[in-house]
Protein backbone atom coordinates (compact mmCIF):
# COMPACT_ATOMS: atom_id res chain seq x y z
CA UNK A 1 -0.04 -0.10 -0.02
CA UNK A 2 1.55 3.29 -1.11
CA UNK A 3 1.82 6.17 1.36
CA UNK A 4 -0.51 9.29 0.12
CA UNK A 5 1.69 11.55 2.27
CA UNK A 6 5.01 10.66 3.03
CA UNK A 7 6.97 11.72 5.86
CA UNK A 8 9.24 14.20 5.45
CA UNK A 9 12.45 14.95 7.58
CA UNK A 10 14.80 17.50 7.66
CA UNK A 11 18.54 17.28 7.67
CA UNK A 12 18.66 16.46 11.56
CA UNK A 13 16.22 13.30 11.23
CA UNK A 14 13.23 16.00 12.80
CA UNK A 15 9.69 15.42 11.74
CA UNK A 16 6.09 15.83 11.95
CA UNK A 17 6.13 19.24 10.49
CA UNK A 18 6.11 21.06 7.02
CA UNK A 19 9.42 22.77 7.43
CA UNK A 20 12.09 20.73 5.95
CA UNK A 21 14.51 23.47 5.63
CA UNK A 22 16.33 22.05 8.20
CA UNK A 23 16.18 24.66 11.34
CA UNK A 24 12.80 23.56 12.56
CA UNK A 25 14.72 20.93 14.78
CA UNK A 26 17.45 23.06 15.87
CA UNK A 27 17.07 23.68 19.75
CA UNK A 28 18.40 26.87 20.73
CA UNK A 29 20.43 27.21 24.00
CA UNK A 30 20.40 30.69 25.43
CA UNK A 31 23.94 32.00 26.17
CA UNK A 32 24.34 32.25 29.92
CA UNK A 33 23.40 36.26 31.36
CA UNK A 34 26.86 36.93 32.74
CA UNK A 35 29.49 39.62 32.01
CA UNK A 36 32.79 38.76 29.97
CA UNK A 37 35.34 38.68 32.51
CA UNK A 38 38.05 41.67 32.39
CA UNK A 39 40.68 42.75 31.09
CA UNK A 40 38.50 43.04 27.70
CA UNK A 41 41.46 44.59 25.50
CA UNK A 42 41.18 47.45 23.07
CA UNK A 43 39.80 50.62 24.51
CA UNK A 44 37.02 49.05 26.64
CA UNK A 45 38.89 48.80 29.70
CA UNK A 46 40.07 52.34 29.60
CA UNK A 47 36.22 53.38 28.92
CA UNK A 48 34.89 51.48 31.67
CA UNK A 49 37.29 52.62 34.25
CA UNK A 50 36.28 56.35 33.17
CA UNK A 51 32.75 55.68 33.25
CA UNK A 52 33.06 54.24 36.66
CA UNK A 53 35.12 57.48 38.04
CA UNK A 54 32.29 59.72 36.26
CA UNK A 55 29.31 57.87 37.18
CA UNK A 56 29.74 56.29 40.86
CA UNK A 57 26.63 54.33 40.05
CA UNK A 58 27.68 52.58 36.97
CA UNK A 59 27.84 49.28 38.91
CA UNK A 60 24.54 49.65 39.90
CA UNK A 61 22.87 50.71 36.67
CA UNK A 62 24.85 48.35 34.71
CA UNK A 63 23.70 44.70 34.64
CA UNK A 64 26.31 43.18 32.77
CA UNK A 65 28.76 44.20 30.20
CA UNK A 66 29.38 41.84 27.18
CA UNK A 67 32.31 41.93 24.51
CA UNK A 68 31.81 39.69 21.62
CA UNK A 69 33.26 40.07 18.10
CA UNK A 70 35.23 43.09 19.00
CA UNK A 71 32.37 45.26 20.50
CA UNK A 72 31.28 46.17 24.06
CA UNK A 73 27.74 46.01 25.12
CA UNK A 74 26.41 47.47 28.52
CA UNK A 75 23.16 45.76 29.62
CA UNK A 76 21.52 48.60 31.34
CA UNK A 77 18.44 48.88 34.06
CA UNK A 78 15.95 51.27 32.38
CA UNK A 79 15.38 53.46 35.31
CA UNK A 80 19.09 54.31 35.09
CA UNK A 81 19.47 54.69 31.07
CA UNK A 82 18.98 58.70 30.92
CA UNK A 83 21.81 59.70 33.50
CA UNK A 84 23.94 57.12 32.09
CA UNK A 85 23.67 58.48 28.67
CA UNK A 86 24.43 61.66 30.08
CA UNK A 87 27.74 60.61 31.38
CA UNK A 88 28.58 58.91 28.39
CA UNK A 89 27.69 62.03 26.31
CA UNK A 90 29.37 64.69 28.68
CA UNK A 91 32.32 63.09 30.16
CA UNK A 92 35.53 64.52 28.33
CA UNK A 93 36.93 60.95 28.68
CA UNK A 94 34.00 58.99 26.62
CA UNK A 95 32.39 61.55 24.69
CA UNK A 96 29.82 59.49 23.03
CA UNK A 97 28.38 62.46 21.22
CA UNK A 98 25.71 60.89 18.94
CA UNK A 99 23.10 58.21 18.70
CA UNK A 100 24.19 56.34 15.51
CA UNK A 101 21.10 54.43 15.50
CA UNK A 102 18.28 52.89 17.75
CA UNK A 103 16.45 49.62 17.15
CA UNK A 104 14.22 47.24 18.81
CA UNK A 105 14.63 43.29 19.15
CA UNK A 106 12.25 40.50 20.53
CA UNK A 107 13.78 37.51 21.74
CA UNK A 108 10.95 35.24 22.93
CA UNK A 109 13.12 32.98 24.83
CA UNK A 110 14.99 35.33 26.86
CA UNK A 111 15.29 33.57 30.13
CA UNK A 112 14.64 36.50 32.21
CA UNK A 113 11.02 37.03 30.68
CA UNK A 114 11.74 40.40 29.27
CA UNK A 115 11.61 40.05 25.68
CA UNK A 116 11.93 43.33 24.18
CA UNK A 117 15.15 45.06 23.83
CA UNK A 118 15.88 48.41 23.08
CA UNK A 119 19.13 48.96 21.46
CA UNK A 120 21.31 52.06 21.46
CA UNK A 121 24.35 52.77 19.09
CA UNK A 122 26.36 55.35 20.12
CA UNK A 123 29.28 56.81 18.33
CA UNK A 124 32.11 59.00 20.10
CA UNK A 125 33.56 61.03 17.36
CA UNK A 126 36.18 62.59 19.31
CA UNK A 127 37.95 59.12 19.89
CA UNK A 128 36.11 57.33 17.05
CA UNK A 129 34.58 54.57 19.09
CA UNK A 130 31.55 52.79 19.23
CA UNK A 131 29.44 51.66 21.88
CA UNK A 132 26.22 49.43 22.25
CA UNK A 133 23.80 49.92 24.96
CA UNK A 134 20.95 47.69 25.42
CA UNK A 135 17.35 47.82 27.72
CA UNK A 136 15.39 44.83 28.34
CA UNK A 137 11.66 45.03 29.66
CA UNK A 138 8.95 42.62 29.13
CA UNK A 139 5.59 42.61 27.06
CA UNK A 140 3.18 43.52 30.17
CA UNK A 141 5.38 46.45 31.33
CA UNK A 142 7.48 47.34 27.97
CA UNK A 143 8.05 51.06 28.96
CA UNK A 144 11.47 52.59 28.56
CA UNK A 145 12.58 56.68 28.94
CA UNK A 146 12.55 58.60 26.09
CA UNK A 147 16.22 59.63 25.28
CA UNK A 148 15.08 62.49 23.17
CA UNK A 149 16.14 64.83 25.71
CA UNK A 150 20.09 63.71 25.53
CA UNK A 151 20.33 62.61 22.14
CA UNK A 152 17.66 64.22 19.08
CA UNK A 153 18.49 61.77 16.77
CA UNK A 154 16.22 59.42 18.84
CA UNK A 155 12.83 60.86 17.73
CA UNK A 156 12.00 58.97 14.52
CA UNK A 157 13.90 56.17 15.71
CA UNK A 158 11.75 55.54 19.05
CA UNK A 159 8.95 56.02 17.02
CA UNK A 160 9.78 53.15 14.83
CA UNK A 161 10.93 50.77 17.71
CA UNK A 162 7.00 51.39 19.06
CA UNK A 163 5.75 50.95 15.98
CA UNK A 164 7.16 47.84 14.86
CA UNK A 165 7.73 46.25 18.73
CA UNK A 166 5.51 48.27 20.77
CA UNK A 167 8.21 49.13 23.24
CA UNK A 168 6.81 52.40 24.94
CA UNK A 169 9.26 55.20 25.18
CA UNK A 170 7.93 57.32 28.01
CA UNK A 171 8.30 61.20 27.37
CA UNK A 172 8.55 61.21 23.54
CA UNK A 173 7.40 64.30 22.69
CA UNK A 174 4.99 62.37 19.73
CA UNK A 175 5.12 58.80 20.26
CA UNK A 176 3.24 57.78 16.88
CA UNK A 177 3.34 55.27 14.03
CA UNK A 178 6.09 55.72 11.55
CA UNK A 179 5.94 53.14 9.28
CA UNK A 180 2.35 51.46 9.49
CA UNK A 181 -1.02 53.09 9.53
CA UNK A 182 -2.50 54.72 12.52
CA UNK A 183 -5.21 52.28 12.77
CA UNK A 184 -2.66 49.07 12.09
CA UNK A 185 -3.27 46.22 14.90
CA UNK A 186 -0.19 45.01 16.54
CA UNK A 187 3.44 45.66 16.20
CA UNK A 188 4.47 43.51 13.33
CA UNK A 189 7.96 42.75 14.06
CA UNK A 190 7.50 40.85 16.82
CA UNK A 191 8.28 36.99 16.35
CA UNK A 192 4.72 36.01 17.50
CA UNK A 193 3.13 38.30 15.10
CA UNK A 194 1.24 36.45 12.41
CA UNK A 195 2.33 36.62 9.14
CA UNK A 196 -1.36 36.86 7.22
CA UNK A 197 -1.24 38.83 3.93
CA UNK A 198 -3.49 38.39 0.93
CA UNK A 199 -2.76 36.13 -2.26
CA UNK A 200 -0.75 37.94 -5.36
CA UNK A 201 -1.69 37.72 -8.85
CA UNK A 202 1.90 36.94 -11.04
CA UNK A 203 1.59 35.95 -14.28
CA UNK A 204 -1.11 34.16 -14.56
CA UNK A 205 -0.37 32.14 -11.35
CA UNK A 206 -1.92 33.07 -7.44
CA UNK A 207 0.84 33.01 -5.01
CA UNK A 208 -0.55 32.05 -1.34
CA UNK A 209 -0.36 34.58 1.54
CA UNK A 210 2.66 34.08 3.48
CA UNK A 211 0.58 32.20 6.44
CA UNK A 212 -0.59 29.46 3.77
CA UNK A 213 3.19 29.15 1.83
CA UNK A 214 5.00 26.95 4.19
CA UNK A 215 2.87 23.72 3.21
CA UNK A 216 3.91 20.72 1.72
CA UNK A 217 2.07 17.81 0.09
């Protein structure tokens, strides 16, 4: 007897689902949430020492510091974000004068339960250095202080992170959607946002909406 719908397996041997790309069976193990041991090398130790000297509350404000692939990331408590940014901008030994970019990210498997991350890339034009800050919040309380008063370039970027991820930037002068229509439901770059869509006519054929495409007979 011939089986009408043969069982599909991916390259890792997983089965029972439509996705045969090989990624569906992978188990992601979250990394431990610890700081990278010092010394870090490059200019990182010098800047860290300067930050501690200029801002005595730095150890309490920073949850952890991670050096990865030649970049330094400081994970910051949201209630200390503004005062930390002011020190990073104004201290003569730091001088991170520019917010080069601000973006959102969604990590549903974050072991702390704070899956929404607001990410800040700071640039020191004085010393030609780049530093990343990251603030994590949960979807039940997605509030982060707006840094527009410290870095005016955050204005539209915070609007975009609110629009697409639902991170609420308290104190923003006009936190409205910037990509999606004003009446759009939800935040479409969250990982659990449904794909949805409409079928598209293309050269005599109909392409199904995204939420119906990953099907294998």
